[in-house]
């Protein structure tokens, strides 16, 4: 029983590390939209702009903050 748990854990670690290495070089194919669903005039838009600037500075991804009106039911 102990051996099978160790084998399963080792298999999980190897799969997770291989997936992480494959995803490490991924970049979006074009600009990404940061969708803001909160009401206009709040603090969400400036925060989204800061996040977009940080993503562009650290990862080189172009992000465009976009205000999306929340749907009413």
PDB file of N, CA and C in Angstrom:
ATOM      1  N   UNK A   1       0.826  -1.198   0.000  1.00  0.00           N
ATOM      2  CA  UNK A   1       0.000   0.000   0.000  1.00  0.00           C
ATOM      3  C   UNK A   1       0.863   1.251   0.000  1.00  0.00           C
ATOM      4  N   UNK A   2       1.909   1.245   0.835  1.00  0.00           N
ATOM      5  CA  UNK A   2       2.779   2.406   0.922  1.00  0.00           C
ATOM      6  C   UNK A   2       3.515   2.646  -0.401  1.00  0.00           C
ATOM      7  N   UNK A   3       3.902   1.541  -1.052  1.00  0.00           N
ATOM      8  CA  UNK A   3       4.628   1.645  -2.316  1.00  0.00           C
ATOM      9  C   UNK A   3       3.751   2.266  -3.408  1.00  0.00           C
ATOM     10  N   UNK A   4       2.470   1.890  -3.462  1.00  0.00           N
ATOM     11  CA  UNK A   4       1.584   2.426  -4.488  1.00  0.00           C
ATOM     12  C   UNK A   4       1.295   3.909  -4.251  1.00  0.00           C
ATOM     13  N   UNK A   5       1.248   4.334  -3.004  1.00  0.00           N
ATOM     14  CA  UNK A   5       1.039   5.756  -2.715  1.00  0.00           C
ATOM     15  C   UNK A   5       2.259   6.560  -3.152  1.00  0.00           C
ATOM     16  N   UNK A   6       3.450   6.028  -2.878  1.00  0.00           N
ATOM     17  CA  UNK A   6       4.664   6.716  -3.304  1.00  0.00           C
ATOM     18  C   UNK A   6       4.747   6.779  -4.826  1.00  0.00           C
ATOM     19  N   UNK A   7       4.373   5.687  -5.498  1.00  0.00           N
ATOM     20  CA  UNK A   7       4.404   5.671  -6.967  1.00  0.00           C
ATOM     21  C   UNK A   7       3.399   6.661  -7.542  1.00  0.00           C
ATOM     22  N   UNK A   8       2.225   6.738  -6.957  1.00  0.00           N
ATOM     23  CA  UNK A   8       1.211   7.685  -7.424  1.00  0.00           C
ATOM     24  C   UNK A   8       1.671   9.120  -7.202  1.00  0.00           C
ATOM     25  N   UNK A   9       2.284   9.390  -6.054  1.00  0.00           N
ATOM     26  CA  UNK A   9       2.780  10.739  -5.779  1.00  0.00           C
ATOM     27  C   UNK A   9       3.898  11.116  -6.743  1.00  0.00           C
ATOM     28  N   UNK A  10       4.800  10.186  -7.019  1.00  0.00           N
ATOM     29  CA  UNK A  10       5.890  10.460  -7.954  1.00  0.00           C
ATOM     30  C   UNK A  10       5.347  10.710  -9.358  1.00  0.00           C
ATOM     31  N   UNK A  11       4.350   9.947  -9.758  1.00  0.00           N
ATOM     32  CA  UNK A  11       3.735  10.136 -11.073  1.00  0.00           C
ATOM     33  C   UNK A  11       3.068  11.510 -11.166  1.00  0.00           C
ATOM     34  N   UNK A  12       2.389  11.904 -10.106  1.00  0.00           N
ATOM     35  CA  UNK A  12       1.737  13.216 -10.089  1.00  0.00           C
ATOM     36  C   UNK A  12       2.755  14.343 -10.204  1.00  0.00           C
ATOM     37  N   UNK A  13       3.850  14.242  -9.460  1.00  0.00           N
ATOM     38  CA  UNK A  13       4.881  15.282  -9.487  1.00  0.00           C
ATOM     39  C   UNK A  13       5.502  15.381 -10.869  1.00  0.00           C
ATOM     40  N   UNK A  14       5.778  14.253 -11.492  1.00  0.00           N
ATOM     41  CA  UNK A  14       6.386  14.273 -12.827  1.00  0.00           C
ATOM     42  C   UNK A  14       5.437  14.880 -13.858  1.00  0.00           C
ATOM     43  N   UNK A  15       4.158  14.551 -13.774  1.00  0.00           N
ATOM     44  CA  UNK A  15       3.178  15.107 -14.706  1.00  0.00           C
ATOM     45  C   UNK A  15       3.013  16.605 -14.489  1.00  0.00           C
ATOM     46  N   UNK A  16       2.932  17.028 -13.243  1.00  0.00           N
ATOM     47  CA  UNK A  16       2.762  18.449 -12.940  1.00  0.00           C
ATOM     48  C   UNK A  16       3.968  19.263 -13.387  1.00  0.00           C
ATOM     49  N   UNK A  17       5.166  18.749 -13.188  1.00  0.00           N
ATOM     50  CA  UNK A  17       6.354  19.501 -13.589  1.00  0.00           C
ATOM     51  C   UNK A  17       6.470  19.570 -15.103  1.00  0.00           C
ATOM     52  N   UNK A  18       6.107  18.499 -15.805  1.00  0.00           N
ATOM     53  CA  UNK A  18       6.163  18.526 -17.268  1.00  0.00           C
ATOM     54  C   UNK A  18       5.147  19.513 -17.828  1.00  0.00           C
ATOM     55  N   UNK A  19       3.966  19.557 -17.231  1.00  0.00           N
ATOM     56  CA  UNK A  19       2.943  20.505 -17.677  1.00  0.00           C
ATOM     57  C   UNK A  19       3.388  21.939 -17.407  1.00  0.00           C
ATOM     58  N   UNK A  20       3.988  22.172 -16.254  1.00  0.00           N
ATOM     59  CA  UNK A  20       4.474  23.509 -15.925  1.00  0.00           C
ATOM     60  C   UNK A  20       5.573  23.963 -16.860  1.00  0.00           C
ATOM     61  N   UNK A  21       6.469  23.069 -17.236  1.00  0.00           N
ATOM     62  CA  UNK A  21       7.533  23.440 -18.168  1.00  0.00           C
ATOM     63  C   UNK A  21       6.982  23.766 -19.550  1.00  0.00           C
ATOM     64  N   UNK A  22       5.966  23.022 -19.974  1.00  0.00           N
ATOM     65  CA  UNK A  22       5.366  23.285 -21.273  1.00  0.00           C
ATOM     66  C   UNK A  22       4.643  24.630 -21.281  1.00  0.00           C
ATOM     67  N   UNK A  23       3.976  24.972 -20.173  1.00  0.00           N
ATOM     68  CA  UNK A  23       3.223  26.224 -20.088  1.00  0.00           C
ATOM     69  C   UNK A  23       4.118  27.422 -19.807  1.00  0.00           C
ATOM     70  N   UNK A  24       5.360  27.209 -19.423  1.00  0.00           N
ATOM     71  CA  UNK A  24       6.244  28.313 -19.047  1.00  0.00           C
ATOM     72  C   UNK A  24       6.515  29.255 -20.213  1.00  0.00           C
ATOM     73  N   UNK A  25       6.549  28.755 -21.426  1.00  0.00           N
ATOM     74  CA  UNK A  25       6.848  29.601 -22.572  1.00  0.00           C
ATOM     75  C   UNK A  25       5.622  30.122 -23.282  1.00  0.00           C
ATOM     76  N   UNK A  26       4.430  29.890 -22.724  1.00  0.00           N
ATOM     77  CA  UNK A  26       3.201  30.301 -23.385  1.00  0.00           C
ATOM     78  C   UNK A  26       3.007  31.802 -23.296  1.00  0.00           C
ATOM     79  N   UNK A  27       2.573  32.405 -24.393  1.00  0.00           N
ATOM     80  CA  UNK A  27       2.171  33.812 -24.420  1.00  0.00           C
ATOM     81  C   UNK A  27       0.868  33.903 -25.195  1.00  0.00           C
ATOM     82  N   UNK A  28       0.021  34.878 -24.883  1.00  0.00           N
ATOM     83  CA  UNK A  28      -1.224  35.008 -25.636  1.00  0.00           C
ATOM     84  C   UNK A  28      -0.917  35.417 -27.085  1.00  0.00           C
ATOM     85  N   UNK A  29      -1.745  34.982 -28.027  1.00  0.00           N
ATOM     86  CA  UNK A  29      -1.473  35.290 -29.435  1.00  0.00           C
ATOM     87  C   UNK A  29      -1.666  36.754 -29.801  1.00  0.00           C
ATOM     88  N   UNK A  30      -2.356  37.504 -28.988  1.00  0.00           N
ATOM     89  CA  UNK A  30      -2.584  38.917 -29.270  1.00  0.00           C
ATOM     90  C   UNK A  30      -2.944  39.632 -27.982  1.00  0.00           C
ATOM     91  N   UNK A  31      -3.436  40.861 -28.097  1.00  0.00           N
ATOM     92  CA  UNK A  31      -3.827  41.576 -26.884  1.00  0.00           C
ATOM     93  C   UNK A  31      -4.984  40.876 -26.177  1.00  0.00           C
ATOM     94  N   UNK A  32      -4.956  40.911 -24.857  1.00  0.00           N
ATOM     95  CA  UNK A  32      -6.016  40.303 -24.048  1.00  0.00           C
ATOM     96  C   UNK A  32      -6.879  41.398 -23.446  1.00  0.00           C
ATOM     97  N   UNK A  33      -8.160  41.115 -23.329  1.00  0.00           N
ATOM     98  CA  UNK A  33      -9.081  42.062 -22.702  1.00  0.00           C
ATOM     99  C   UNK A  33      -9.239  41.715 -21.237  1.00  0.00           C
ATOM    100  N   UNK A  34      -9.061  42.718 -20.381  1.00  0.00           N
ATOM    101  CA  UNK A  34      -9.344  42.577 -18.955  1.00  0.00           C
ATOM    102  C   UNK A  34     -10.759  43.091 -18.762  1.00  0.00           C
ATOM    103  N   UNK A  35     -11.705  42.208 -18.559  1.00  0.00           N
ATOM    104  CA  UNK A  35     -13.102  42.610 -18.460  1.00  0.00           C
ATOM    105  C   UNK A  35     -13.436  43.025 -17.029  1.00  0.00           C
ATOM    106  N   UNK A  36     -13.964  44.232 -16.894  1.00  0.00           N
ATOM    107  CA  UNK A  36     -14.345  44.800 -15.600  1.00  0.00           C
ATOM    108  C   UNK A  36     -15.863  44.797 -15.555  1.00  0.00           C
ATOM    109  N   UNK A  37     -16.427  44.030 -14.614  1.00  0.00           N
ATOM    110  CA  UNK A  37     -17.884  43.900 -14.571  1.00  0.00           C
ATOM    111  C   UNK A  37     -18.531  44.735 -13.478  1.00  0.00           C
ATOM    112  N   UNK A  38     -17.748  45.477 -12.718  1.00  0.00           N
ATOM    113  CA  UNK A  38     -18.347  46.310 -11.679  1.00  0.00           C
ATOM    114  C   UNK A  38     -18.881  47.600 -12.297  1.00  0.00           C
ATOM    115  N   UNK A  39     -19.656  48.322 -11.527  1.00  0.00           N
ATOM    116  CA  UNK A  39     -20.282  49.545 -12.009  1.00  0.00           C
ATOM    117  C   UNK A  39     -19.233  50.597 -12.365  1.00  0.00           C
ATOM    118  N   UNK A  40     -19.565  51.413 -13.353  1.00  0.00           N
ATOM    119  CA  UNK A  40     -18.656  52.477 -13.780  1.00  0.00           C
ATOM    120  C   UNK A  40     -18.516  53.509 -12.668  1.00  0.00           C
ATOM    121  N   UNK A  41     -17.355  54.122 -12.600  1.00  0.00           N
ATOM    122  CA  UNK A  41     -17.118  55.162 -11.614  1.00  0.00           C
ATOM    123  C   UNK A  41     -16.520  54.650 -10.326  1.00  0.00           C
ATOM    124  N   UNK A  42     -16.295  53.370 -10.220  1.00  0.00           N
ATOM    125  CA  UNK A  42     -15.717  52.804  -8.999  1.00  0.00           C
ATOM    126  C   UNK A  42     -14.208  52.716  -9.101  1.00  0.00           C
ATOM    127  N   UNK A  43     -13.635  51.995  -8.167  1.00  0.00           N
ATOM    128  CA  UNK A  43     -12.181  51.861  -8.115  1.00  0.00           C
ATOM    129  C   UNK A  43     -11.665  50.712  -8.964  1.00  0.00           C
ATOM    130  N   UNK A  44     -12.546  49.948  -9.598  1.00  0.00           N
ATOM    131  CA  UNK A  44     -12.113  48.778 -10.355  1.00  0.00           C
ATOM    132  C   UNK A  44     -11.338  49.160 -11.620  1.00  0.00           C
ATOM    133  N   UNK A  45     -11.740  50.197 -12.296  1.00  0.00           N
ATOM    134  CA  UNK A  45     -11.085  50.588 -13.551  1.00  0.00           C
ATOM    135  C   UNK A  45      -9.631  51.016 -13.314  1.00  0.00           C
ATOM    136  N   UNK A  46      -9.338  51.897 -12.347  1.00  0.00           N
ATOM    137  CA  UNK A  46      -7.934  52.240 -12.102  1.00  0.00           C
ATOM    138  C   UNK A  46      -7.100  51.034 -11.660  1.00  0.00           C
ATOM    139  N   UNK A  47      -7.697  50.140 -10.873  1.00  0.00           N
ATOM    140  CA  UNK A  47      -6.974  48.938 -10.460  1.00  0.00           C
ATOM    141  C   UNK A  47      -6.680  48.044 -11.650  1.00  0.00           C
ATOM    142  N   UNK A  48      -7.640  47.918 -12.563  1.00  0.00           N
ATOM    143  CA  UNK A  48      -7.427  47.105 -13.761  1.00  0.00           C
ATOM    144  C   UNK A  48      -6.329  47.707 -14.636  1.00  0.00           C
ATOM    145  N   UNK A  49      -6.257  49.019 -14.711  1.00  0.00           N
ATOM    146  CA  UNK A  49      -5.186  49.660 -15.488  1.00  0.00           C
ATOM    147  C   UNK A  49      -3.822  49.382 -14.871  1.00  0.00           C
ATOM    148  N   UNK A  50      -3.751  49.409 -13.546  1.00  0.00           N
ATOM    149  CA  UNK A  50      -2.483  49.109 -12.861  1.00  0.00           C
ATOM    150  C   UNK A  50      -2.080  47.660 -13.114  1.00  0.00           C
ATOM    151  N   UNK A  51      -3.053  46.740 -13.027  1.00  0.00           N
ATOM    152  CA  UNK A  51      -2.759  45.329 -13.286  1.00  0.00           C
ATOM    153  C   UNK A  51      -2.294  45.140 -14.730  1.00  0.00           C
ATOM    154  N   UNK A  52      -2.954  45.806 -15.672  1.00  0.00           N
ATOM    155  CA  UNK A  52      -2.569  45.695 -17.081  1.00  0.00           C
ATOM    156  C   UNK A  52      -1.154  46.230 -17.305  1.00  0.00           C
ATOM    157  N   UNK A  53      -0.820  47.339 -16.676  1.00  0.00           N
ATOM    158  CA  UNK A  53       0.527  47.896 -16.806  1.00  0.00           C
ATOM    159  C   UNK A  53       1.571  46.941 -16.222  1.00  0.00           C
ATOM    160  N   UNK A  54       1.262  46.337 -15.076  1.00  0.00           N
ATOM    161  CA  UNK A  54       2.202  45.400 -14.457  1.00  0.00           C
ATOM    162  C   UNK A  54       2.387  44.145 -15.305  1.00  0.00           C
ATOM    163  N   UNK A  55       1.303  43.633 -15.883  1.00  0.00           N
ATOM    164  CA  UNK A  55       1.421  42.464 -16.752  1.00  0.00           C
ATOM    165  C   UNK A  55       2.274  42.770 -17.971  1.00  0.00           C
ATOM    166  N   UNK A  56       2.085  43.955 -18.530  1.00  0.00           N
ATOM    167  CA  UNK A  56       2.874  44.338 -19.705  1.00  0.00           C
ATOM    168  C   UNK A  56       4.344  44.530 -19.336  1.00  0.00           C
ATOM    169  N   UNK A  57       4.607  45.106 -18.158  1.00  0.00           N
ATOM    170  CA  UNK A  57       5.992  45.348 -17.748  1.00  0.00           C
ATOM    171  C   UNK A  57       6.721  44.052 -17.394  1.00  0.00           C
ATOM    172  N   UNK A  58       6.036  43.138 -16.703  1.00  0.00           N
ATOM    173  CA  UNK A  58       6.718  41.923 -16.247  1.00  0.00           C
ATOM    174  C   UNK A  58       6.706  40.804 -17.269  1.00  0.00           C
ATOM    175  N   UNK A  59       5.584  40.610 -17.977  1.00  0.00           N
ATOM    176  CA  UNK A  59       5.471  39.482 -18.901  1.00  0.00           C
ATOM    177  C   UNK A  59       5.520  39.881 -20.369  1.00  0.00           C
ATOM    178  N   UNK A  60       5.311  41.159 -20.651  1.00  0.00           N
ATOM    179  CA  UNK A  60       5.298  41.612 -22.036  1.00  0.00           C
ATOM    180  C   UNK A  60       3.957  41.388 -22.721  1.00  0.00           C
ATOM    181  N   UNK A  61       2.909  41.061 -21.953  1.00  0.00           N
ATOM    182  CA  UNK A  61       1.586  40.842 -22.523  1.00  0.00           C
ATOM    183  C   UNK A  61       0.840  42.151 -22.610  1.00  0.00           C
ATOM    184  N   UNK A  62       0.185  42.391 -23.724  1.00  0.00           N
ATOM    185  CA  UNK A  62      -0.622  43.600 -23.865  1.00  0.00           C
ATOM    186  C   UNK A  62      -2.032  43.292 -23.385  1.00  0.00           C
ATOM    187  N   UNK A  63      -2.479  44.010 -22.366  1.00  0.00           N
ATOM    188  CA  UNK A  63      -3.818  43.835 -21.795  1.00  0.00           C
ATOM    189  C   UNK A  63      -4.586  45.142 -21.918  1.00  0.00           C
ATOM    190  N   UNK A  64      -5.840  45.035 -22.323  1.00  0.00           N
ATOM    191  CA  UNK A  64      -6.682  46.210 -22.510  1.00  0.00           C
ATOM    192  C   UNK A  64      -7.838  46.137 -21.512  1.00  0.00           C
ATOM    193  N   UNK A  65      -7.874  47.045 -20.499  1.00  0.00           N
ATOM    194  CA  UNK A  65      -9.010  47.057 -19.573  1.00  0.00           C
ATOM    195  C   UNK A  65     -10.280  47.503 -20.297  1.00  0.00           C
ATOM    196  N   UNK A  66     -11.346  46.728 -20.141  1.00  0.00           N
ATOM    197  CA  UNK A  66     -12.591  47.001 -20.848  1.00  0.00           C
ATOM    198  C   UNK A  66     -13.759  46.931 -19.870  1.00  0.00           C
ATOM    199  N   UNK A  67     -14.549  48.010 -19.802  1.00  0.00           N
ATOM    200  CA  UNK A  67     -15.704  48.063 -18.913  1.00  0.00           C
ATOM    201  C   UNK A  67     -16.873  47.326 -19.574  1.00  0.00           C
ATOM    202  N   UNK A  68     -17.345  46.279 -18.920  1.00  0.00           N
ATOM    203  CA  UNK A  68     -18.482  45.494 -19.402  1.00  0.00           C
ATOM    204  C   UNK A  68     -19.637  45.732 -18.429  1.00  0.00           C
ATOM    205  N   UNK A  69     -20.765  46.234 -18.911  1.00  0.00           N
ATOM    206  CA  UNK A  69     -21.867  46.469 -17.971  1.00  0.00           C
ATOM    207  C   UNK A  69     -22.400  45.144 -17.437  1.00  0.00           C
ATOM    208  N   UNK A  70     -22.684  45.130 -16.152  1.00  0.00           N
ATOM    209  CA  UNK A  70     -23.250  43.939 -15.519  1.00  0.00           C
ATOM    210  C   UNK A  70     -24.687  43.773 -15.999  1.00  0.00           C
ATOM    211  N   UNK A  71     -25.051  42.552 -16.277  1.00  0.00           N
ATOM    212  CA  UNK A  71     -26.424  42.305 -16.744  1.00  0.00           C
ATOM    213  C   UNK A  71     -27.362  42.291 -15.546  1.00  0.00           C
ATOM    214  N   UNK A  72     -28.565  42.754 -15.767  1.00  0.00           N
ATOM    215  CA  UNK A  72     -29.572  42.760 -14.705  1.00  0.00           C
ATOM    216  C   UNK A  72     -30.533  41.608 -14.933  1.00  0.00           C
ATOM    217  N   UNK A  73     -31.058  41.078 -13.870  1.00  0.00           N
ATOM    218  CA  UNK A  73     -31.997  39.943 -13.996  1.00  0.00           C
ATOM    219  C   UNK A  73     -33.379  40.365 -13.665  1.00  0.00           C
TER     220      UNK A  73
END
